[in-house]
Amino acid sequence: MSYCNIHGRYDGDGCPTCRDVESEIIDSLARSREDLATAAAHIAHAENNPGDYVCPSCMFRTLKKGASRCPKCHADPGRQYWVDVTARERAQEIAAAEEWERGRPAREAKEAKDRARAATEEFKGKMNMVIIGIGVLYWLYELVDIWRHSWGFQGSGLFALFNGIGSILNLAIGGVIMGVVIGFGTWAVVAVADFLLDAFNNTE
């Protein structure tokens, strides 16, 4: 067993931790050199191509629009060069506008579908709230009815107790039935809304 002054004891030839650290340092230096080379290439390209248009003489992008002389090779691009550039840019603008117009029906259809989907989701949420509200009102009504028939007018005797227990059981059974009805109603509303939305989305 050997001993490393930094990492302590180790087995084998050479400290494995030191080797890992050295390998990481070498890889980091290699990446740094690559990053520096990439940055230098970008800087050189920016220096040689500071303009917006390519000079027809030296072929570097050194010209600003309408320039009469290349700052790098000092050549005159000529009046016809800028006439051609203007015509080409105008043609590109017209093509882009026509492409935008061709895509208008698809965009409008997508926007309509998005609005329909949002309206459907809002409708589904409102219907869920209505159905839940009906269930809550049912429970409140049943609770008041239990109190009125069992304890409100029947006193506090044994009969009233059994009557109250029976009413609570009926309420529980009715609650289960109402829960099934509410669940089915919610499912039906959501299913119909999704069906209508899918039918609309499939309409070209």
N, C-alpha and C. Protein backbone atom coordinates (compact mmCIF):
# COMPACT_ATOMS: atom_id res chain seq x y z
N MET A 1 0.84 -1.19 0.00
CA MET A 1 0.00 0.00 0.00
C MET A 1 0.88 1.24 0.00
N SER A 2 0.53 2.22 -0.85
CA SER A 2 1.30 3.46 -0.96
C SER A 2 0.55 4.59 -0.28
N TYR A 3 1.22 5.73 -0.19
CA TYR A 3 0.65 6.87 0.54
C TYR A 3 0.77 8.13 -0.32
N CYS A 4 -0.35 8.88 -0.44
CA CYS A 4 -0.38 10.15 -1.15
C CYS A 4 -0.42 11.27 -0.13
N ASN A 5 0.44 12.27 -0.30
CA ASN A 5 0.48 13.38 0.66
C ASN A 5 -0.83 14.18 0.70
N ILE A 6 -1.63 14.06 -0.36
CA ILE A 6 -2.88 14.84 -0.42
C ILE A 6 -4.08 13.98 -0.05
N HIS A 7 -4.15 12.78 -0.60
CA HIS A 7 -5.35 11.96 -0.44
C HIS A 7 -5.15 10.74 0.46
N GLY A 8 -3.99 10.58 1.02
CA GLY A 8 -3.78 9.48 1.96
C GLY A 8 -3.40 8.18 1.27
N ARG A 9 -3.72 7.06 1.92
CA ARG A 9 -3.30 5.75 1.44
C ARG A 9 -4.11 5.33 0.21
N TYR A 10 -3.45 4.54 -0.64
CA TYR A 10 -4.12 4.01 -1.83
C TYR A 10 -3.42 2.74 -2.24
N ASP A 11 -4.13 1.92 -3.01
CA ASP A 11 -3.58 0.68 -3.55
C ASP A 11 -3.27 0.87 -5.03
N GLY A 12 -2.26 0.17 -5.52
CA GLY A 12 -1.93 0.23 -6.93
C GLY A 12 -0.81 1.21 -7.22
N ASP A 13 -0.69 1.51 -8.54
CA ASP A 13 0.38 2.37 -9.01
C ASP A 13 -0.15 3.79 -9.22
N GLY A 14 0.24 4.69 -8.36
CA GLY A 14 -0.21 6.08 -8.48
C GLY A 14 -1.55 6.31 -7.81
N CYS A 15 -1.71 7.50 -7.24
CA CYS A 15 -2.95 7.84 -6.54
C CYS A 15 -4.08 7.99 -7.56
N PRO A 16 -5.16 7.20 -7.46
CA PRO A 16 -6.25 7.30 -8.46
C PRO A 16 -6.97 8.65 -8.38
N THR A 17 -7.09 9.22 -7.18
CA THR A 17 -7.77 10.51 -7.05
C THR A 17 -6.96 11.60 -7.74
N CYS A 18 -5.64 11.57 -7.58
CA CYS A 18 -4.79 12.55 -8.27
C CYS A 18 -4.91 12.41 -9.78
N ARG A 19 -4.97 11.17 -10.26
CA ARG A 19 -5.11 10.96 -11.70
C ARG A 19 -6.43 11.53 -12.21
N ASP A 20 -7.51 11.33 -11.43
CA ASP A 20 -8.81 11.87 -11.84
C ASP A 20 -8.79 13.40 -11.89
N VAL A 21 -8.15 14.01 -10.87
CA VAL A 21 -8.06 15.47 -10.84
C VAL A 21 -7.25 15.98 -12.01
N GLU A 22 -6.11 15.33 -12.30
CA GLU A 22 -5.28 15.74 -13.43
C GLU A 22 -6.04 15.61 -14.75
N SER A 23 -6.82 14.52 -14.89
CA SER A 23 -7.58 14.33 -16.11
C SER A 23 -8.64 15.42 -16.27
N GLU A 24 -9.29 15.80 -15.17
CA GLU A 24 -10.30 16.86 -15.23
C GLU A 24 -9.65 18.20 -15.61
N ILE A 25 -8.45 18.46 -15.06
CA ILE A 25 -7.75 19.71 -15.38
C ILE A 25 -7.38 19.76 -16.86
N ILE A 26 -6.87 18.63 -17.37
CA ILE A 26 -6.49 18.57 -18.78
C ILE A 26 -7.70 18.78 -19.68
N ASP A 27 -8.82 18.12 -19.33
CA ASP A 27 -10.05 18.28 -20.13
C ASP A 27 -10.55 19.72 -20.08
N SER A 28 -10.47 20.34 -18.91
CA SER A 28 -10.92 21.73 -18.77
C SER A 28 -10.05 22.66 -19.60
N LEU A 29 -8.73 22.43 -19.60
CA LEU A 29 -7.83 23.26 -20.40
C LEU A 29 -8.12 23.09 -21.89
N ALA A 30 -8.42 21.84 -22.30
CA ALA A 30 -8.72 21.60 -23.71
C ALA A 30 -10.01 22.33 -24.11
N ARG A 31 -11.01 22.27 -23.23
CA ARG A 31 -12.27 22.98 -23.54
C ARG A 31 -12.04 24.49 -23.59
N SER A 32 -11.20 24.98 -22.70
CA SER A 32 -10.91 26.42 -22.69
C SER A 32 -10.23 26.84 -23.98
N ARG A 33 -9.28 26.03 -24.47
CA ARG A 33 -8.60 26.35 -25.74
C ARG A 33 -9.61 26.35 -26.89
N GLU A 34 -10.53 25.37 -26.88
CA GLU A 34 -11.54 25.33 -27.94
C GLU A 34 -12.45 26.56 -27.87
N ASP A 35 -12.83 26.96 -26.66
CA ASP A 35 -13.68 28.15 -26.51
C ASP A 35 -12.95 29.40 -26.98
N LEU A 36 -11.66 29.48 -26.64
CA LEU A 36 -10.88 30.65 -27.08
C LEU A 36 -10.75 30.68 -28.60
N ALA A 37 -10.53 29.52 -29.20
CA ALA A 37 -10.42 29.46 -30.66
C ALA A 37 -11.73 29.86 -31.32
N THR A 38 -12.86 29.40 -30.75
CA THR A 38 -14.17 29.77 -31.31
C THR A 38 -14.41 31.26 -31.18
N ALA A 39 -14.08 31.82 -29.99
CA ALA A 39 -14.26 33.26 -29.78
C ALA A 39 -13.38 34.07 -30.73
N ALA A 40 -12.14 33.61 -30.93
CA ALA A 40 -11.23 34.32 -31.84
C ALA A 40 -11.78 34.29 -33.27
N ALA A 41 -12.35 33.16 -33.66
CA ALA A 41 -12.92 33.05 -35.01
C ALA A 41 -14.10 34.00 -35.17
N HIS A 42 -14.94 34.09 -34.14
CA HIS A 42 -16.08 35.01 -34.20
C HIS A 42 -15.61 36.47 -34.29
N ILE A 43 -14.57 36.79 -33.49
CA ILE A 43 -14.05 38.16 -33.51
C ILE A 43 -13.47 38.49 -34.89
N ALA A 44 -12.71 37.56 -35.45
CA ALA A 44 -12.13 37.79 -36.77
C ALA A 44 -13.21 37.94 -37.83
N HIS A 45 -14.25 37.12 -37.73
CA HIS A 45 -15.33 37.22 -38.71
C HIS A 45 -16.05 38.56 -38.58
N ALA A 46 -16.29 39.00 -37.33
CA ALA A 46 -16.96 40.28 -37.12
C ALA A 46 -16.11 41.44 -37.63
N GLU A 47 -14.81 41.35 -37.45
CA GLU A 47 -13.93 42.42 -37.92
C GLU A 47 -13.90 42.47 -39.45
N ASN A 48 -13.92 41.32 -40.10
CA ASN A 48 -13.86 41.28 -41.55
C ASN A 48 -15.22 41.49 -42.21
N ASN A 49 -16.29 41.36 -41.43
CA ASN A 49 -17.63 41.48 -41.98
C ASN A 49 -18.48 42.41 -41.11
N PRO A 50 -18.13 43.69 -41.05
CA PRO A 50 -18.85 44.61 -40.15
C PRO A 50 -20.13 45.18 -40.77
N GLY A 51 -20.39 44.89 -42.03
CA GLY A 51 -21.53 45.52 -42.71
C GLY A 51 -22.75 44.63 -42.77
N ASP A 52 -23.68 45.04 -43.64
CA ASP A 52 -24.93 44.31 -43.83
C ASP A 52 -25.01 43.64 -45.20
N TYR A 53 -24.16 44.05 -46.13
CA TYR A 53 -24.21 43.51 -47.48
C TYR A 53 -22.81 43.09 -47.92
N VAL A 54 -22.75 42.08 -48.79
CA VAL A 54 -21.48 41.54 -49.28
C VAL A 54 -20.94 42.41 -50.41
N CYS A 55 -19.66 42.76 -50.28
CA CYS A 55 -19.00 43.53 -51.34
C CYS A 55 -18.78 42.61 -52.54
N PRO A 56 -19.20 43.00 -53.73
CA PRO A 56 -19.01 42.13 -54.90
C PRO A 56 -17.56 41.97 -55.32
N SER A 57 -16.67 42.79 -54.78
CA SER A 57 -15.26 42.70 -55.17
C SER A 57 -14.47 41.79 -54.24
N CYS A 58 -14.49 42.09 -52.95
CA CYS A 58 -13.70 41.28 -52.00
C CYS A 58 -14.53 40.16 -51.36
N MET A 59 -15.85 40.18 -51.54
CA MET A 59 -16.76 39.16 -51.05
C MET A 59 -16.87 39.10 -49.52
N PHE A 60 -16.43 40.15 -48.84
CA PHE A 60 -16.67 40.26 -47.41
C PHE A 60 -17.95 41.07 -47.18
N ARG A 61 -18.61 40.82 -46.06
CA ARG A 61 -19.83 41.57 -45.76
C ARG A 61 -19.43 42.88 -45.08
N THR A 62 -19.11 43.87 -45.90
CA THR A 62 -18.56 45.12 -45.37
C THR A 62 -19.42 46.33 -45.69
N LEU A 63 -20.43 46.18 -46.55
CA LEU A 63 -21.15 47.34 -47.05
C LEU A 63 -22.39 47.64 -46.22
N LYS A 64 -22.61 48.91 -45.94
CA LYS A 64 -23.88 49.40 -45.46
C LYS A 64 -24.73 49.77 -46.68
N LYS A 65 -26.03 49.79 -46.52
CA LYS A 65 -26.90 50.01 -47.67
C LYS A 65 -26.64 51.39 -48.29
N GLY A 66 -26.43 51.38 -49.62
CA GLY A 66 -26.19 52.61 -50.35
C GLY A 66 -24.75 53.07 -50.37
N ALA A 67 -23.83 52.28 -49.78
CA ALA A 67 -22.42 52.70 -49.72
C ALA A 67 -21.83 52.78 -51.13
N SER A 68 -20.97 53.75 -51.33
CA SER A 68 -20.33 53.92 -52.63
C SER A 68 -18.90 53.38 -52.66
N ARG A 69 -18.42 52.88 -51.51
CA ARG A 69 -17.05 52.37 -51.46
C ARG A 69 -16.94 51.33 -50.35
N CYS A 70 -16.23 50.25 -50.66
CA CYS A 70 -16.01 49.21 -49.66
C CYS A 70 -14.91 49.66 -48.71
N PRO A 71 -15.13 49.64 -47.39
CA PRO A 71 -14.10 50.08 -46.45
C PRO A 71 -12.91 49.13 -46.38
N LYS A 72 -13.03 47.93 -46.93
CA LYS A 72 -11.92 46.98 -46.86
C LYS A 72 -11.07 46.99 -48.13
N CYS A 73 -11.71 46.86 -49.30
CA CYS A 73 -10.95 46.81 -50.55
C CYS A 73 -11.07 48.11 -51.35
N HIS A 74 -11.90 49.04 -50.86
CA HIS A 74 -12.07 50.37 -51.46
C HIS A 74 -12.68 50.33 -52.85
N ALA A 75 -13.30 49.24 -53.23
CA ALA A 75 -13.93 49.15 -54.54
C ALA A 75 -15.32 49.79 -54.50
N ASP A 76 -15.77 50.27 -55.65
CA ASP A 76 -17.10 50.86 -55.78
C ASP A 76 -18.08 49.77 -56.21
N PRO A 77 -19.08 49.44 -55.40
CA PRO A 77 -20.00 48.37 -55.79
C PRO A 77 -20.84 48.73 -57.01
N GLY A 78 -21.00 50.02 -57.30
CA GLY A 78 -21.76 50.43 -58.49
C GLY A 78 -23.23 50.65 -58.19
N ARG A 79 -23.84 51.51 -58.97
CA ARG A 79 -25.24 51.85 -58.75
C ARG A 79 -26.15 50.66 -59.00
N GLN A 80 -25.84 49.87 -60.04
CA GLN A 80 -26.69 48.73 -60.38
C GLN A 80 -26.74 47.70 -59.25
N TYR A 81 -25.64 47.60 -58.50
CA TYR A 81 -25.60 46.66 -57.37
C TYR A 81 -26.72 46.98 -56.39
N TRP A 82 -26.88 48.27 -56.06
CA TRP A 82 -27.90 48.66 -55.10
C TRP A 82 -29.29 48.59 -55.69
N VAL A 83 -29.41 48.81 -57.00
CA VAL A 83 -30.71 48.62 -57.66
C VAL A 83 -31.15 47.17 -57.53
N ASP A 84 -30.21 46.25 -57.77
CA ASP A 84 -30.53 44.82 -57.67
C ASP A 84 -30.86 44.43 -56.23
N VAL A 85 -30.10 45.01 -55.28
CA VAL A 85 -30.35 44.70 -53.86
C VAL A 85 -31.75 45.17 -53.46
N THR A 86 -32.12 46.38 -53.86
CA THR A 86 -33.44 46.91 -53.52
C THR A 86 -34.54 46.06 -54.14
N ALA A 87 -34.35 45.66 -55.40
CA ALA A 87 -35.36 44.83 -56.07
C ALA A 87 -35.49 43.48 -55.38
N ARG A 88 -34.35 42.91 -55.00
CA ARG A 88 -34.38 41.61 -54.34
C ARG A 88 -35.08 41.69 -52.98
N GLU A 89 -34.78 42.72 -52.21
CA GLU A 89 -35.42 42.88 -50.91
C GLU A 89 -36.91 43.13 -51.04
N ARG A 90 -37.30 43.91 -52.05
CA ARG A 90 -38.72 44.15 -52.27
C ARG A 90 -39.44 42.87 -52.63
N ALA A 91 -38.79 42.05 -53.46
CA ALA A 91 -39.40 40.76 -53.83
C ALA A 91 -39.54 39.86 -52.61
N GLN A 92 -38.55 39.88 -51.73
CA GLN A 92 -38.64 39.08 -50.50
C GLN A 92 -39.77 39.57 -49.60
N GLU A 93 -39.95 40.89 -49.50
CA GLU A 93 -41.04 41.44 -48.70
C GLU A 93 -42.39 41.04 -49.26
N ILE A 94 -42.53 41.10 -50.58
CA ILE A 94 -43.80 40.72 -51.21
C ILE A 94 -44.08 39.24 -50.98
N ALA A 95 -43.03 38.40 -51.13
CA ALA A 95 -43.21 36.96 -50.92
C ALA A 95 -43.61 36.67 -49.47
N ALA A 96 -42.98 37.38 -48.52
CA ALA A 96 -43.32 37.17 -47.11
C ALA A 96 -44.75 37.59 -46.82
N ALA A 97 -45.18 38.72 -47.43
CA ALA A 97 -46.56 39.18 -47.23
C ALA A 97 -47.56 38.19 -47.82
N GLU A 98 -47.24 37.65 -49.01
CA GLU A 98 -48.14 36.68 -49.63
C GLU A 98 -48.21 35.39 -48.80
N GLU A 99 -47.07 34.98 -48.27
CA GLU A 99 -47.05 33.79 -47.42
C GLU A 99 -47.89 34.00 -46.16
N TRP A 100 -47.80 35.20 -45.59
CA TRP A 100 -48.60 35.54 -44.40
C TRP A 100 -50.09 35.49 -44.74
N GLU A 101 -50.46 36.02 -45.90
CA GLU A 101 -51.87 36.00 -46.30
C GLU A 101 -52.34 34.57 -46.56
N ARG A 102 -51.48 33.74 -47.15
CA ARG A 102 -51.87 32.35 -47.39
C ARG A 102 -52.11 31.62 -46.07
N GLY A 103 -51.38 32.00 -45.07
CA GLY A 103 -51.55 31.34 -43.78
C GLY A 103 -52.67 31.90 -42.93
N ARG A 104 -53.33 32.98 -43.40
CA ARG A 104 -54.37 33.62 -42.60
C ARG A 104 -55.55 32.68 -42.28
N PRO A 105 -56.09 31.94 -43.28
CA PRO A 105 -57.22 31.05 -42.95
C PRO A 105 -56.86 30.04 -41.86
N ALA A 106 -55.67 29.46 -41.95
CA ALA A 106 -55.26 28.48 -40.95
C ALA A 106 -55.13 29.13 -39.57
N ARG A 107 -54.57 30.34 -39.54
CA ARG A 107 -54.44 31.03 -38.25
C ARG A 107 -55.81 31.37 -37.67
N GLU A 108 -56.70 31.88 -38.53
CA GLU A 108 -58.03 32.22 -38.04
C GLU A 108 -58.78 30.98 -37.56
N ALA A 109 -58.62 29.86 -38.28
CA ALA A 109 -59.28 28.63 -37.86
C ALA A 109 -58.74 28.16 -36.51
N LYS A 110 -57.43 28.26 -36.34
CA LYS A 110 -56.82 27.85 -35.07
C LYS A 110 -57.30 28.75 -33.93
N GLU A 111 -57.37 30.06 -34.20
CA GLU A 111 -57.85 30.98 -33.17
C GLU A 111 -59.29 30.67 -32.79
N ALA A 112 -60.13 30.36 -33.81
CA ALA A 112 -61.52 30.01 -33.53
C ALA A 112 -61.62 28.74 -32.69
N LYS A 113 -60.78 27.75 -33.03
CA LYS A 113 -60.78 26.50 -32.25
C LYS A 113 -60.31 26.74 -30.82
N ASP A 114 -59.31 27.60 -30.67
CA ASP A 114 -58.83 27.91 -29.32
C ASP A 114 -59.91 28.61 -28.50
N ARG A 115 -60.64 29.55 -29.15
CA ARG A 115 -61.72 30.23 -28.44
C ARG A 115 -62.83 29.24 -28.07
N ALA A 116 -63.14 28.32 -29.00
CA ALA A 116 -64.17 27.32 -28.72
C ALA A 116 -63.75 26.41 -27.58
N ARG A 117 -62.48 26.03 -27.57
CA ARG A 117 -61.99 25.16 -26.49
C ARG A 117 -62.06 25.89 -25.15
N ALA A 118 -61.65 27.16 -25.14
CA ALA A 118 -61.71 27.92 -23.89
C ALA A 118 -63.15 28.08 -23.41
N ALA A 119 -64.08 28.33 -24.36
CA ALA A 119 -65.49 28.47 -23.98
C ALA A 119 -66.04 27.15 -23.45
N THR A 120 -65.62 26.05 -24.07
CA THR A 120 -66.09 24.73 -23.62
C THR A 120 -65.58 24.43 -22.22
N GLU A 121 -64.31 24.72 -21.98
CA GLU A 121 -63.75 24.50 -20.65
C GLU A 121 -64.47 25.35 -19.60
N GLU A 122 -64.77 26.60 -19.97
CA GLU A 122 -65.51 27.47 -19.04
C GLU A 122 -66.91 26.91 -18.78
N PHE A 123 -67.57 26.43 -19.84
CA PHE A 123 -68.90 25.86 -19.68
C PHE A 123 -68.86 24.62 -18.79
N LYS A 124 -67.86 23.76 -19.00
CA LYS A 124 -67.73 22.56 -18.18
C LYS A 124 -67.53 22.92 -16.71
N GLY A 125 -66.70 23.94 -16.46
CA GLY A 125 -66.49 24.37 -15.08
C GLY A 125 -67.75 24.89 -14.44
N LYS A 126 -68.52 25.69 -15.18
CA LYS A 126 -69.77 26.23 -14.63
C LYS A 126 -70.78 25.12 -14.36
N MET A 127 -70.90 24.17 -15.28
CA MET A 127 -71.84 23.07 -15.08
C MET A 127 -71.45 22.21 -13.89
N ASN A 128 -70.17 21.99 -13.71
CA ASN A 128 -69.72 21.24 -12.53
C ASN A 128 -70.11 21.96 -11.25
N MET A 129 -69.93 23.29 -11.24
CA MET A 129 -70.30 24.06 -10.06
C MET A 129 -71.81 24.00 -9.80
N VAL A 130 -72.61 24.04 -10.87
CA VAL A 130 -74.06 23.95 -10.72
C VAL A 130 -74.47 22.60 -10.14
N ILE A 131 -73.88 21.53 -10.68
CA ILE A 131 -74.23 20.19 -10.20
C ILE A 131 -73.79 20.01 -8.76
N ILE A 132 -72.60 20.48 -8.41
CA ILE A 132 -72.14 20.39 -7.02
C ILE A 132 -73.04 21.21 -6.11
N GLY A 133 -73.45 22.39 -6.58
CA GLY A 133 -74.35 23.23 -5.79
C GLY A 133 -75.67 22.55 -5.53
N ILE A 134 -76.20 21.85 -6.54
CA ILE A 134 -77.45 21.11 -6.35
C ILE A 134 -77.26 20.03 -5.27
N GLY A 135 -76.14 19.34 -5.32
CA GLY A 135 -75.88 18.32 -4.30
C GLY A 135 -75.79 18.89 -2.90
N VAL A 136 -75.11 20.03 -2.77
CA VAL A 136 -74.99 20.67 -1.45
C VAL A 136 -76.36 21.11 -0.94
N LEU A 137 -77.17 21.71 -1.81
CA LEU A 137 -78.52 22.12 -1.41
C LEU A 137 -79.37 20.91 -1.00
N TYR A 138 -79.20 19.80 -1.69
CA TYR A 138 -79.93 18.57 -1.32
C TYR A 138 -79.56 18.13 0.09
N TRP A 139 -78.28 18.11 0.39
CA TRP A 139 -77.84 17.70 1.72
C TRP A 139 -78.36 18.65 2.79
N LEU A 140 -78.29 19.94 2.52
CA LEU A 140 -78.80 20.91 3.51
C LEU A 140 -80.30 20.72 3.73
N TYR A 141 -81.02 20.52 2.65
CA TYR A 141 -82.46 20.30 2.79
C TYR A 141 -82.74 19.06 3.62
N GLU A 142 -82.04 17.98 3.36
CA GLU A 142 -82.26 16.74 4.10
C GLU A 142 -81.90 16.91 5.58
N LEU A 143 -80.83 17.64 5.87
CA LEU A 143 -80.46 17.86 7.26
C LEU A 143 -81.54 18.65 8.01
N VAL A 144 -82.04 19.69 7.38
CA VAL A 144 -83.13 20.46 8.00
C VAL A 144 -84.37 19.60 8.18
N ASP A 145 -84.69 18.75 7.22
CA ASP A 145 -85.85 17.88 7.31
C ASP A 145 -85.69 16.88 8.44
N ILE A 146 -84.46 16.36 8.61
CA ILE A 146 -84.22 15.44 9.73
C ILE A 146 -84.45 16.13 11.07
N TRP A 147 -83.89 17.31 11.20
CA TRP A 147 -84.08 18.04 12.46
C TRP A 147 -85.54 18.35 12.70
N ARG A 148 -86.26 18.74 11.63
CA ARG A 148 -87.65 19.14 11.81
C ARG A 148 -88.52 17.96 12.21
N HIS A 149 -88.31 16.78 11.63
CA HIS A 149 -89.18 15.64 11.90
C HIS A 149 -88.71 14.81 13.09
N SER A 150 -87.43 14.81 13.38
CA SER A 150 -86.92 13.93 14.44
C SER A 150 -86.78 14.64 15.76
N TRP A 151 -86.13 15.80 15.77
CA TRP A 151 -85.88 16.50 17.04
C TRP A 151 -86.69 17.79 17.17
N GLY A 152 -87.02 18.40 16.05
CA GLY A 152 -87.69 19.68 16.13
C GLY A 152 -89.07 19.60 16.74
N PHE A 153 -89.82 18.51 16.46
CA PHE A 153 -91.19 18.41 16.96
C PHE A 153 -91.44 17.12 17.72
N GLN A 154 -90.49 16.23 17.75
CA GLN A 154 -90.70 14.93 18.38
C GLN A 154 -90.10 14.86 19.78
N GLY A 155 -89.54 15.93 20.27
CA GLY A 155 -88.96 15.91 21.61
C GLY A 155 -87.61 15.22 21.60
N SER A 156 -87.19 14.77 22.78
CA SER A 156 -85.86 14.16 22.90
C SER A 156 -85.93 12.74 23.42
N GLY A 157 -87.07 12.07 23.26
CA GLY A 157 -87.22 10.72 23.78
C GLY A 157 -86.54 9.69 22.91
N LEU A 158 -86.73 8.41 23.30
CA LEU A 158 -86.09 7.31 22.59
C LEU A 158 -86.62 7.21 21.16
N PHE A 159 -87.92 7.50 21.01
CA PHE A 159 -88.49 7.44 19.65
C PHE A 159 -87.82 8.44 18.73
N ALA A 160 -87.63 9.65 19.28
CA ALA A 160 -86.99 10.68 18.46
C ALA A 160 -85.56 10.28 18.10
N LEU A 161 -84.85 9.61 19.04
CA LEU A 161 -83.48 9.18 18.78
C LEU A 161 -83.43 8.18 17.64
N PHE A 162 -84.30 7.15 17.73
CA PHE A 162 -84.31 6.14 16.67
C PHE A 162 -84.78 6.74 15.35
N ASN A 163 -85.76 7.63 15.46
CA ASN A 163 -86.22 8.29 14.24
C ASN A 163 -85.10 9.10 13.59
N GLY A 164 -84.30 9.80 14.44
CA GLY A 164 -83.18 10.58 13.92
C GLY A 164 -82.12 9.71 13.28
N ILE A 165 -81.82 8.54 13.94
CA ILE A 165 -80.82 7.63 13.38
C ILE A 165 -81.29 7.10 12.03
N GLY A 166 -82.58 6.72 11.98
CA GLY A 166 -83.11 6.23 10.72
C GLY A 166 -83.07 7.29 9.64
N SER A 167 -83.35 8.54 10.00
CA SER A 167 -83.31 9.61 9.01
C SER A 167 -81.89 9.86 8.52
N ILE A 168 -80.95 9.74 9.45
CA ILE A 168 -79.54 9.92 9.04
C ILE A 168 -79.11 8.82 8.08
N LEU A 169 -79.56 7.58 8.35
CA LEU A 169 -79.24 6.50 7.43
C LEU A 169 -79.87 6.74 6.06
N ASN A 170 -81.12 7.22 6.09
CA ASN A 170 -81.77 7.54 4.81
C ASN A 170 -81.00 8.64 4.08
N LEU A 171 -80.52 9.63 4.87
CA LEU A 171 -79.74 10.70 4.26
C LEU A 171 -78.46 10.17 3.64
N ALA A 172 -77.81 9.20 4.35
CA ALA A 172 -76.58 8.64 3.81
C ALA A 172 -76.84 7.89 2.51
N ILE A 173 -77.93 7.10 2.51
CA ILE A 173 -78.28 6.36 1.29
C ILE A 173 -78.63 7.33 0.17
N GLY A 174 -79.44 8.34 0.53
CA GLY A 174 -79.78 9.34 -0.48
C GLY A 174 -78.56 10.09 -0.97
N GLY A 175 -77.59 10.33 -0.05
CA GLY A 175 -76.37 11.00 -0.45
C GLY A 175 -75.58 10.18 -1.45
N VAL A 176 -75.53 8.85 -1.22
CA VAL A 176 -74.83 7.98 -2.17
C VAL A 176 -75.50 8.04 -3.53
N ILE A 177 -76.84 7.96 -3.50
CA ILE A 177 -77.57 8.02 -4.77
C ILE A 177 -77.33 9.36 -5.45
N MET A 178 -77.42 10.45 -4.66
CA MET A 178 -77.18 11.77 -5.24
C MET A 178 -75.76 11.89 -5.77
N GLY A 179 -74.79 11.29 -5.05
CA GLY A 179 -73.41 11.32 -5.53
C GLY A 179 -73.26 10.62 -6.87
N VAL A 180 -73.97 9.48 -7.01
CA VAL A 180 -73.93 8.78 -8.29
C VAL A 180 -74.55 9.62 -9.39
N VAL A 181 -75.69 10.26 -9.04
CA VAL A 181 -76.36 11.11 -10.03
C VAL A 181 -75.47 12.28 -10.43
N ILE A 182 -74.85 12.92 -9.42
CA ILE A 182 -73.97 14.05 -9.70
C ILE A 182 -72.77 13.60 -10.55
N GLY A 183 -72.18 12.46 -10.18
CA GLY A 183 -71.04 11.97 -10.94
C GLY A 183 -71.41 11.66 -12.38
N PHE A 184 -72.57 11.00 -12.56
CA PHE A 184 -73.00 10.68 -13.92
C PHE A 184 -73.32 11.96 -14.70
N GLY A 185 -73.96 12.91 -14.01
CA GLY A 185 -74.29 14.17 -14.68
C GLY A 185 -73.05 14.91 -15.10
N THR A 186 -72.05 14.95 -14.22
CA THR A 186 -70.78 15.61 -14.55
C THR A 186 -70.10 14.93 -15.73
N TRP A 187 -70.08 13.60 -15.67
CA TRP A 187 -69.47 12.85 -16.77
C TRP A 187 -70.19 13.11 -18.09
N ALA A 188 -71.53 13.14 -18.03
CA ALA A 188 -72.30 13.37 -19.25
C ALA A 188 -72.04 14.74 -19.82
N VAL A 189 -71.99 15.76 -18.95
CA VAL A 189 -71.74 17.12 -19.42
C VAL A 189 -70.37 17.21 -20.06
N VAL A 190 -69.37 16.66 -19.39
CA VAL A 190 -68.00 16.70 -19.92
C VAL A 190 -67.90 15.93 -21.23
N ALA A 191 -68.55 14.75 -21.29
CA ALA A 191 -68.48 13.95 -22.51
C ALA A 191 -69.13 14.67 -23.68
N VAL A 192 -70.30 15.27 -23.44
CA VAL A 192 -70.98 16.01 -24.53
C VAL A 192 -70.14 17.20 -24.98
N ALA A 193 -69.58 17.94 -24.00
CA ALA A 193 -68.77 19.11 -24.35
C ALA A 193 -67.54 18.69 -25.14
N ASP A 194 -66.87 17.62 -24.72
CA ASP A 194 -65.69 17.15 -25.45
C ASP A 194 -66.07 16.66 -26.85
N PHE A 195 -67.23 15.99 -26.97
CA PHE A 195 -67.66 15.52 -28.28
C PHE A 195 -67.91 16.69 -29.23
N LEU A 196 -68.60 17.70 -28.74
CA LEU A 196 -68.87 18.87 -29.57
C LEU A 196 -67.58 19.59 -29.96
N LEU A 197 -66.66 19.69 -29.00
CA LEU A 197 -65.40 20.36 -29.30
C LEU A 197 -64.59 19.57 -30.32
N ASP A 198 -64.54 18.24 -30.17
CA ASP A 198 -63.80 17.43 -31.16
C ASP A 198 -64.44 17.51 -32.54
N ALA A 199 -65.77 17.54 -32.57
CA ALA A 199 -66.45 17.65 -33.86
C ALA A 199 -66.12 18.98 -34.51
N PHE A 200 -66.05 20.03 -33.71
CA PHE A 200 -65.70 21.35 -34.26
C PHE A 200 -64.25 21.37 -34.74
N ASN A 201 -63.34 20.77 -33.97
CA ASN A 201 -61.94 20.78 -34.34
C ASN A 201 -61.69 19.97 -35.61
N ASN A 202 -62.50 18.93 -35.85
CA ASN A 202 -62.32 18.11 -37.04
C ASN A 202 -62.97 18.70 -38.27
N THR A 203 -63.64 19.83 -38.10
CA THR A 203 -64.28 20.50 -39.23
C THR A 203 -63.29 21.42 -39.90
N GLU A 204 -63.01 21.21 -41.10
CA GLU A 204 -62.03 22.03 -41.84
C GLU A 204 -62.76 23.23 -42.44
